[in-house]
Amino acid sequence: MLKVVLYQPEIPQNVGNIARTCAATGAELHLIRPLGFQWNSPKLKRAGLDYWSELDYILHDSWQAFLETPPSSSRVWAFSSKASQLYTQVHYHPGDYLLFGPESRGLPAEALERFPSVTIPMPGRGGRSLNLAVAVGIGVYEVLRQMG
């Protein structure tokens, strides 16, 4: 139904937590290399607990390899603190991809130019961005809310 895409994630604990969210919601997880950690990292395994066997995930060797994945009928939504459209203003469809950038730098300009982008508001003071696992959870649950 829903696909979560992590572009070059850097922190294994975030990916483990996101894997748990995907397993719990039935979302498919796509990871685009290079990863900022070893795939066999104990931190990744610990954060994902025993959810890995319940998770559908795909490792893409590169950005280009990922770009060949979505069918032409699917939409990719780039989540970015630089976007102006709120993530709640989009009407999500089954098969949509939610694309998130790495923790330290966000999505590259190429991704933001290629796909429509949405943002999660941060009305507080001084926050540059939300934790990646939190942002993914917010996005996934908005899609689920809309789809009932």
N, C-alpha and C. Protein backbone atom coordinates (compact mmCIF):
# COMPACT_ATOMS: atom_id res chain seq x y z
N MET A 1 0.83 -1.20 0.00
CA MET A 1 0.00 0.00 0.00
C MET A 1 0.87 1.25 0.00
N LEU A 2 1.57 1.49 1.06
CA LEU A 2 2.38 2.69 1.24
C LEU A 2 3.85 2.29 1.24
N LYS A 3 4.69 3.19 0.70
CA LYS A 3 6.13 2.92 0.67
C LYS A 3 6.87 4.09 1.31
N VAL A 4 7.77 3.76 2.22
CA VAL A 4 8.63 4.76 2.87
C VAL A 4 10.01 4.61 2.28
N VAL A 5 10.59 5.72 1.84
CA VAL A 5 11.90 5.70 1.20
C VAL A 5 12.86 6.57 2.01
N LEU A 6 13.98 5.98 2.39
CA LEU A 6 15.03 6.71 3.11
C LEU A 6 16.23 6.86 2.19
N TYR A 7 16.51 8.10 1.83
CA TYR A 7 17.65 8.41 0.97
C TYR A 7 18.90 8.53 1.84
N GLN A 8 19.83 7.60 1.67
CA GLN A 8 21.12 7.59 2.35
C GLN A 8 21.01 7.89 3.85
N PRO A 9 20.22 7.12 4.59
CA PRO A 9 20.10 7.36 6.03
C PRO A 9 21.43 7.16 6.74
N GLU A 10 21.62 7.90 7.82
CA GLU A 10 22.93 7.91 8.49
C GLU A 10 22.93 7.25 9.87
N ILE A 11 21.80 7.19 10.54
CA ILE A 11 21.76 6.76 11.94
C ILE A 11 21.00 5.44 12.04
N PRO A 12 21.68 4.37 12.44
CA PRO A 12 21.03 3.06 12.45
C PRO A 12 19.82 2.98 13.39
N GLN A 13 19.87 3.68 14.50
CA GLN A 13 18.74 3.63 15.43
C GLN A 13 17.48 4.22 14.79
N ASN A 14 17.63 5.28 14.00
CA ASN A 14 16.48 5.85 13.30
C ASN A 14 15.90 4.84 12.32
N VAL A 15 16.76 4.20 11.56
CA VAL A 15 16.29 3.22 10.58
C VAL A 15 15.60 2.05 11.28
N GLY A 16 16.14 1.61 12.39
CA GLY A 16 15.49 0.54 13.15
C GLY A 16 14.11 0.93 13.63
N ASN A 17 13.98 2.15 14.15
CA ASN A 17 12.67 2.63 14.59
C ASN A 17 11.70 2.78 13.42
N ILE A 18 12.19 3.24 12.30
CA ILE A 18 11.36 3.38 11.10
C ILE A 18 10.94 2.00 10.61
N ALA A 19 11.83 1.04 10.68
CA ALA A 19 11.48 -0.33 10.30
C ALA A 19 10.34 -0.85 11.15
N ARG A 20 10.37 -0.56 12.44
CA ARG A 20 9.27 -0.98 13.33
C ARG A 20 7.96 -0.31 12.94
N THR A 21 8.01 0.98 12.62
CA THR A 21 6.81 1.69 12.19
C THR A 21 6.26 1.07 10.91
N CYS A 22 7.14 0.79 9.97
CA CYS A 22 6.71 0.19 8.70
C CYS A 22 6.11 -1.20 8.93
N ALA A 23 6.73 -2.00 9.76
CA ALA A 23 6.20 -3.34 10.04
C ALA A 23 4.82 -3.24 10.70
N ALA A 24 4.67 -2.31 11.62
CA ALA A 24 3.41 -2.17 12.36
C ALA A 24 2.28 -1.63 11.49
N THR A 25 2.62 -0.91 10.42
CA THR A 25 1.60 -0.29 9.58
C THR A 25 1.44 -0.96 8.22
N GLY A 26 2.29 -1.92 7.93
CA GLY A 26 2.23 -2.60 6.63
C GLY A 26 2.88 -1.82 5.51
N ALA A 27 3.64 -0.80 5.84
CA ALA A 27 4.34 -0.01 4.81
C ALA A 27 5.61 -0.74 4.38
N GLU A 28 5.95 -0.59 3.13
CA GLU A 28 7.18 -1.16 2.59
C GLU A 28 8.30 -0.14 2.79
N LEU A 29 9.47 -0.59 3.19
CA LEU A 29 10.60 0.30 3.44
C LEU A 29 11.64 0.15 2.33
N HIS A 30 12.04 1.29 1.75
CA HIS A 30 13.09 1.34 0.74
C HIS A 30 14.27 2.11 1.32
N LEU A 31 15.44 1.54 1.23
CA LEU A 31 16.66 2.19 1.71
C LEU A 31 17.60 2.39 0.53
N ILE A 32 18.04 3.64 0.36
CA ILE A 32 18.92 3.97 -0.76
C ILE A 32 20.35 4.14 -0.25
N ARG A 33 21.25 3.35 -0.79
CA ARG A 33 22.66 3.42 -0.42
C ARG A 33 23.34 4.61 -1.07
N PRO A 34 24.46 5.06 -0.49
CA PRO A 34 25.14 4.45 0.64
C PRO A 34 24.46 4.77 1.96
N LEU A 35 24.52 3.79 2.85
CA LEU A 35 24.01 3.97 4.21
C LEU A 35 25.15 4.53 5.06
N GLY A 36 24.82 5.25 6.09
CA GLY A 36 25.83 5.82 6.98
C GLY A 36 26.26 4.87 8.08
N PHE A 37 26.00 3.59 7.91
CA PHE A 37 26.31 2.57 8.92
C PHE A 37 26.39 1.22 8.21
N GLN A 38 26.90 0.24 8.90
CA GLN A 38 26.96 -1.12 8.35
C GLN A 38 25.59 -1.78 8.49
N TRP A 39 25.19 -2.53 7.47
CA TRP A 39 23.89 -3.19 7.48
C TRP A 39 23.75 -4.15 8.66
N ASN A 40 24.85 -4.72 9.12
CA ASN A 40 24.80 -5.65 10.24
C ASN A 40 25.05 -4.96 11.59
N SER A 41 24.87 -3.67 11.66
CA SER A 41 25.09 -2.90 12.88
C SER A 41 24.21 -3.40 14.03
N PRO A 42 24.80 -3.66 15.18
CA PRO A 42 23.99 -4.06 16.35
C PRO A 42 22.97 -2.98 16.74
N LYS A 43 23.29 -1.72 16.51
CA LYS A 43 22.36 -0.63 16.83
C LYS A 43 21.12 -0.70 15.94
N LEU A 44 21.31 -1.04 14.68
CA LEU A 44 20.19 -1.19 13.75
C LEU A 44 19.31 -2.36 14.19
N LYS A 45 19.93 -3.47 14.48
CA LYS A 45 19.19 -4.66 14.88
C LYS A 45 18.44 -4.41 16.19
N ARG A 46 19.09 -3.79 17.14
CA ARG A 46 18.46 -3.54 18.44
C ARG A 46 17.26 -2.61 18.30
N ALA A 47 17.40 -1.53 17.55
CA ALA A 47 16.30 -0.59 17.39
C ALA A 47 15.13 -1.22 16.65
N GLY A 48 15.42 -2.14 15.74
CA GLY A 48 14.35 -2.80 14.98
C GLY A 48 13.76 -3.99 15.71
N LEU A 49 14.39 -4.38 16.82
CA LEU A 49 13.96 -5.53 17.63
C LEU A 49 13.66 -6.74 16.74
N ASP A 50 12.57 -7.41 16.99
CA ASP A 50 12.25 -8.61 16.23
C ASP A 50 11.28 -8.31 15.09
N TYR A 51 11.18 -7.05 14.68
CA TYR A 51 10.26 -6.66 13.62
C TYR A 51 10.81 -6.93 12.22
N TRP A 52 12.10 -7.17 12.09
CA TRP A 52 12.70 -7.32 10.77
C TRP A 52 12.04 -8.44 9.96
N SER A 53 11.65 -9.52 10.62
CA SER A 53 11.03 -10.62 9.89
C SER A 53 9.61 -10.28 9.42
N GLU A 54 9.02 -9.25 9.99
CA GLU A 54 7.66 -8.83 9.63
C GLU A 54 7.66 -7.69 8.60
N LEU A 55 8.82 -7.30 8.16
CA LEU A 55 8.98 -6.10 7.33
C LEU A 55 9.30 -6.45 5.88
N ASP A 56 8.64 -5.77 4.97
CA ASP A 56 9.01 -5.83 3.56
C ASP A 56 9.94 -4.66 3.29
N TYR A 57 11.19 -4.95 2.92
CA TYR A 57 12.13 -3.87 2.65
C TYR A 57 12.95 -4.18 1.40
N ILE A 58 13.42 -3.10 0.79
CA ILE A 58 14.23 -3.21 -0.41
C ILE A 58 15.45 -2.31 -0.24
N LEU A 59 16.62 -2.83 -0.50
CA LEU A 59 17.86 -2.05 -0.49
C LEU A 59 18.18 -1.68 -1.93
N HIS A 60 18.33 -0.40 -2.19
CA HIS A 60 18.70 0.08 -3.53
C HIS A 60 20.17 0.48 -3.50
N ASP A 61 20.91 0.05 -4.48
CA ASP A 61 22.34 0.35 -4.51
C ASP A 61 22.66 1.81 -4.77
N SER A 62 21.70 2.55 -5.34
CA SER A 62 21.96 3.95 -5.67
C SER A 62 20.63 4.68 -5.86
N TRP A 63 20.73 6.00 -5.95
CA TRP A 63 19.57 6.84 -6.24
C TRP A 63 19.00 6.45 -7.60
N GLN A 64 19.87 6.24 -8.58
CA GLN A 64 19.42 5.87 -9.92
C GLN A 64 18.67 4.55 -9.90
N ALA A 65 19.15 3.60 -9.13
CA ALA A 65 18.47 2.30 -9.03
C ALA A 65 17.08 2.49 -8.42
N PHE A 66 16.96 3.34 -7.42
CA PHE A 66 15.63 3.60 -6.85
C PHE A 66 14.70 4.23 -7.88
N LEU A 67 15.20 5.19 -8.65
CA LEU A 67 14.36 5.91 -9.62
C LEU A 67 13.71 4.97 -10.64
N GLU A 68 14.28 3.80 -10.84
CA GLU A 68 13.72 2.83 -11.76
C GLU A 68 12.62 1.99 -11.12
N THR A 69 12.38 2.17 -9.82
CA THR A 69 11.44 1.34 -9.08
C THR A 69 9.99 1.78 -9.16
N PRO A 70 9.66 3.04 -8.87
CA PRO A 70 8.23 3.39 -8.82
C PRO A 70 7.56 3.26 -10.19
N PRO A 71 6.40 2.58 -10.22
CA PRO A 71 5.65 2.55 -11.48
C PRO A 71 5.22 3.96 -11.87
N SER A 72 4.95 4.17 -13.12
CA SER A 72 4.59 5.51 -13.59
C SER A 72 3.29 6.00 -12.94
N SER A 73 2.45 5.09 -12.47
CA SER A 73 1.20 5.49 -11.83
C SER A 73 1.39 5.90 -10.37
N SER A 74 2.55 5.64 -9.80
CA SER A 74 2.81 5.99 -8.40
C SER A 74 3.32 7.41 -8.28
N ARG A 75 3.08 7.99 -7.10
CA ARG A 75 3.58 9.33 -6.83
C ARG A 75 4.61 9.26 -5.71
N VAL A 76 5.59 10.12 -5.81
CA VAL A 76 6.62 10.23 -4.77
C VAL A 76 6.49 11.60 -4.15
N TRP A 77 6.37 11.65 -2.84
CA TRP A 77 6.27 12.91 -2.09
C TRP A 77 7.56 13.10 -1.31
N ALA A 78 8.27 14.17 -1.59
CA ALA A 78 9.53 14.48 -0.91
C ALA A 78 9.22 15.31 0.34
N PHE A 79 9.59 14.79 1.49
CA PHE A 79 9.40 15.52 2.74
C PHE A 79 10.64 16.36 3.00
N SER A 80 10.42 17.66 3.20
CA SER A 80 11.55 18.58 3.37
C SER A 80 11.15 19.77 4.22
N SER A 81 12.06 20.21 5.05
CA SER A 81 11.82 21.43 5.84
C SER A 81 11.84 22.66 4.94
N LYS A 82 12.31 22.51 3.70
CA LYS A 82 12.39 23.63 2.76
C LYS A 82 11.10 23.81 1.94
N ALA A 83 10.18 22.86 2.03
CA ALA A 83 8.94 22.93 1.25
C ALA A 83 7.97 23.91 1.89
N SER A 84 7.00 24.37 1.11
CA SER A 84 5.99 25.28 1.64
C SER A 84 4.62 24.61 1.80
N GLN A 85 4.35 23.57 1.03
CA GLN A 85 3.06 22.88 1.13
C GLN A 85 3.07 21.94 2.33
N LEU A 86 2.04 22.02 3.17
CA LEU A 86 1.94 21.16 4.34
C LEU A 86 1.63 19.73 3.93
N TYR A 87 2.16 18.78 4.65
CA TYR A 87 1.93 17.37 4.37
C TYR A 87 0.46 16.99 4.51
N THR A 88 -0.31 17.75 5.25
CA THR A 88 -1.74 17.49 5.44
C THR A 88 -2.58 18.05 4.29
N GLN A 89 -2.00 18.83 3.40
CA GLN A 89 -2.73 19.41 2.28
C GLN A 89 -2.71 18.52 1.04
N VAL A 90 -2.09 17.38 1.15
CA VAL A 90 -1.97 16.44 0.04
C VAL A 90 -3.00 15.32 0.24
N HIS A 91 -3.58 14.86 -0.84
CA HIS A 91 -4.48 13.70 -0.79
C HIS A 91 -3.67 12.50 -1.27
N TYR A 92 -3.28 11.65 -0.33
CA TYR A 92 -2.43 10.50 -0.63
C TYR A 92 -3.27 9.37 -1.22
N HIS A 93 -2.60 8.56 -2.03
CA HIS A 93 -3.24 7.42 -2.68
C HIS A 93 -2.49 6.14 -2.33
N PRO A 94 -3.17 5.00 -2.38
CA PRO A 94 -2.45 3.74 -2.21
C PRO A 94 -1.30 3.64 -3.22
N GLY A 95 -0.16 3.17 -2.77
CA GLY A 95 1.00 3.04 -3.65
C GLY A 95 1.92 4.25 -3.67
N ASP A 96 1.52 5.33 -2.97
CA ASP A 96 2.40 6.50 -2.91
C ASP A 96 3.69 6.17 -2.16
N TYR A 97 4.74 6.90 -2.52
CA TYR A 97 6.04 6.80 -1.86
C TYR A 97 6.27 8.07 -1.05
N LEU A 98 6.70 7.91 0.20
CA LEU A 98 7.08 9.05 1.03
C LEU A 98 8.60 9.04 1.13
N LEU A 99 9.25 10.06 0.62
CA LEU A 99 10.70 10.12 0.50
C LEU A 99 11.27 11.07 1.55
N PHE A 100 12.25 10.57 2.31
CA PHE A 100 12.90 11.35 3.37
C PHE A 100 14.41 11.35 3.17
N GLY A 101 15.03 12.47 3.48
CA GLY A 101 16.47 12.61 3.31
C GLY A 101 17.26 12.21 4.54
N PRO A 102 18.58 12.22 4.42
CA PRO A 102 19.45 11.87 5.54
C PRO A 102 19.38 12.91 6.65
N GLU A 103 19.67 12.47 7.83
CA GLU A 103 19.52 13.29 9.03
C GLU A 103 20.32 14.59 9.00
N SER A 104 21.51 14.57 8.46
CA SER A 104 22.37 15.75 8.57
C SER A 104 22.17 16.79 7.47
N ARG A 105 21.57 16.38 6.35
CA ARG A 105 21.52 17.34 5.23
C ARG A 105 20.21 17.35 4.46
N GLY A 106 19.29 16.45 4.72
CA GLY A 106 18.03 16.42 3.98
C GLY A 106 18.21 15.93 2.55
N LEU A 107 17.15 16.07 1.79
CA LEU A 107 17.17 15.58 0.42
C LEU A 107 18.00 16.48 -0.49
N PRO A 108 18.63 15.91 -1.52
CA PRO A 108 19.39 16.72 -2.46
C PRO A 108 18.44 17.53 -3.35
N ALA A 109 18.97 18.58 -3.94
CA ALA A 109 18.17 19.45 -4.82
C ALA A 109 17.52 18.66 -5.94
N GLU A 110 18.21 17.67 -6.46
CA GLU A 110 17.67 16.86 -7.56
C GLU A 110 16.34 16.21 -7.17
N ALA A 111 16.25 15.70 -5.96
CA ALA A 111 15.01 15.06 -5.49
C ALA A 111 13.91 16.09 -5.31
N LEU A 112 14.26 17.25 -4.78
CA LEU A 112 13.26 18.30 -4.54
C LEU A 112 12.76 18.91 -5.84
N GLU A 113 13.59 18.89 -6.87
CA GLU A 113 13.17 19.39 -8.18
C GLU A 113 12.34 18.35 -8.94
N ARG A 114 12.62 17.10 -8.71
CA ARG A 114 11.97 16.02 -9.45
C ARG A 114 10.57 15.69 -8.92
N PHE A 115 10.40 15.76 -7.60
CA PHE A 115 9.15 15.33 -6.97
C PHE A 115 8.49 16.47 -6.22
N PRO A 116 7.15 16.45 -6.11
CA PRO A 116 6.49 17.46 -5.28
C PRO A 116 6.92 17.29 -3.83
N SER A 117 7.08 18.41 -3.14
CA SER A 117 7.57 18.32 -1.77
C SER A 117 6.55 18.87 -0.78
N VAL A 118 6.61 18.32 0.40
CA VAL A 118 5.72 18.72 1.48
C VAL A 118 6.55 18.90 2.75
N THR A 119 5.98 19.63 3.70
CA THR A 119 6.69 19.89 4.95
C THR A 119 5.81 19.59 6.14
N ILE A 120 6.44 19.29 7.24
CA ILE A 120 5.77 19.14 8.53
C ILE A 120 6.06 20.42 9.30
N PRO A 121 5.03 21.16 9.71
CA PRO A 121 5.29 22.44 10.37
C PRO A 121 5.99 22.25 11.72
N MET A 122 6.83 23.21 12.04
CA MET A 122 7.53 23.24 13.32
C MET A 122 7.36 24.64 13.90
N PRO A 123 6.23 24.90 14.56
CA PRO A 123 5.94 26.25 15.01
C PRO A 123 6.73 26.70 16.24
N GLY A 124 7.53 25.82 16.80
CA GLY A 124 8.31 26.19 17.98
C GLY A 124 9.47 27.10 17.64
N ARG A 125 10.36 27.26 18.57
CA ARG A 125 11.51 28.14 18.38
C ARG A 125 12.78 27.36 18.07
N GLY A 126 13.44 27.72 17.01
CA GLY A 126 14.80 27.25 16.75
C GLY A 126 14.97 25.85 16.19
N GLY A 127 13.91 25.12 15.91
CA GLY A 127 14.11 23.77 15.38
C GLY A 127 14.42 23.78 13.90
N ARG A 128 15.52 23.14 13.51
CA ARG A 128 15.86 23.02 12.09
C ARG A 128 15.05 21.91 11.43
N SER A 129 14.89 20.82 12.17
CA SER A 129 14.19 19.67 11.61
C SER A 129 13.77 18.73 12.74
N LEU A 130 12.86 17.84 12.41
CA LEU A 130 12.44 16.82 13.35
C LEU A 130 13.35 15.61 13.22
N ASN A 131 13.35 14.77 14.23
CA ASN A 131 14.05 13.50 14.14
C ASN A 131 13.45 12.71 12.98
N LEU A 132 14.29 12.03 12.22
CA LEU A 132 13.85 11.31 11.03
C LEU A 132 12.75 10.29 11.35
N ALA A 133 12.93 9.52 12.40
CA ALA A 133 11.92 8.51 12.75
C ALA A 133 10.60 9.15 13.12
N VAL A 134 10.64 10.30 13.78
CA VAL A 134 9.42 11.02 14.14
C VAL A 134 8.74 11.54 12.88
N ALA A 135 9.51 12.13 11.96
CA ALA A 135 8.94 12.66 10.73
C ALA A 135 8.29 11.56 9.90
N VAL A 136 8.94 10.42 9.80
CA VAL A 136 8.37 9.30 9.06
C VAL A 136 7.05 8.85 9.71
N GLY A 137 7.05 8.75 11.03
CA GLY A 137 5.83 8.36 11.73
C GLY A 137 4.68 9.32 11.47
N ILE A 138 4.97 10.60 11.49
CA ILE A 138 3.94 11.61 11.22
C ILE A 138 3.40 11.43 9.81
N GLY A 139 4.28 11.28 8.83
CA GLY A 139 3.85 11.11 7.45
C GLY A 139 3.06 9.84 7.23
N VAL A 140 3.53 8.73 7.76
CA VAL A 140 2.85 7.45 7.58
C VAL A 140 1.45 7.50 8.20
N TYR A 141 1.35 8.04 9.39
CA TYR A 141 0.05 8.04 10.04
C TYR A 141 -0.92 9.04 9.43
N GLU A 142 -0.43 10.06 8.77
CA GLU A 142 -1.34 10.94 8.02
C GLU A 142 -1.92 10.19 6.82
N VAL A 143 -1.09 9.43 6.15
CA VAL A 143 -1.59 8.62 5.03
C VAL A 143 -2.64 7.63 5.53
N LEU A 144 -2.34 6.94 6.62
CA LEU A 144 -3.30 5.97 7.16
C LEU A 144 -4.59 6.66 7.60
N ARG A 145 -4.48 7.83 8.20
CA ARG A 145 -5.68 8.57 8.62
C ARG A 145 -6.56 8.88 7.41
N GLN A 146 -5.93 9.33 6.34
CA GLN A 146 -6.70 9.68 5.14
C GLN A 146 -7.35 8.45 4.50
N MET A 147 -6.68 7.34 4.58
CA MET A 147 -7.20 6.13 3.93
C MET A 147 -8.16 5.36 4.82
N GLY A 148 -8.33 5.84 6.06
CA GLY A 148 -9.30 5.23 6.96
C GLY A 148 -8.78 3.98 7.58
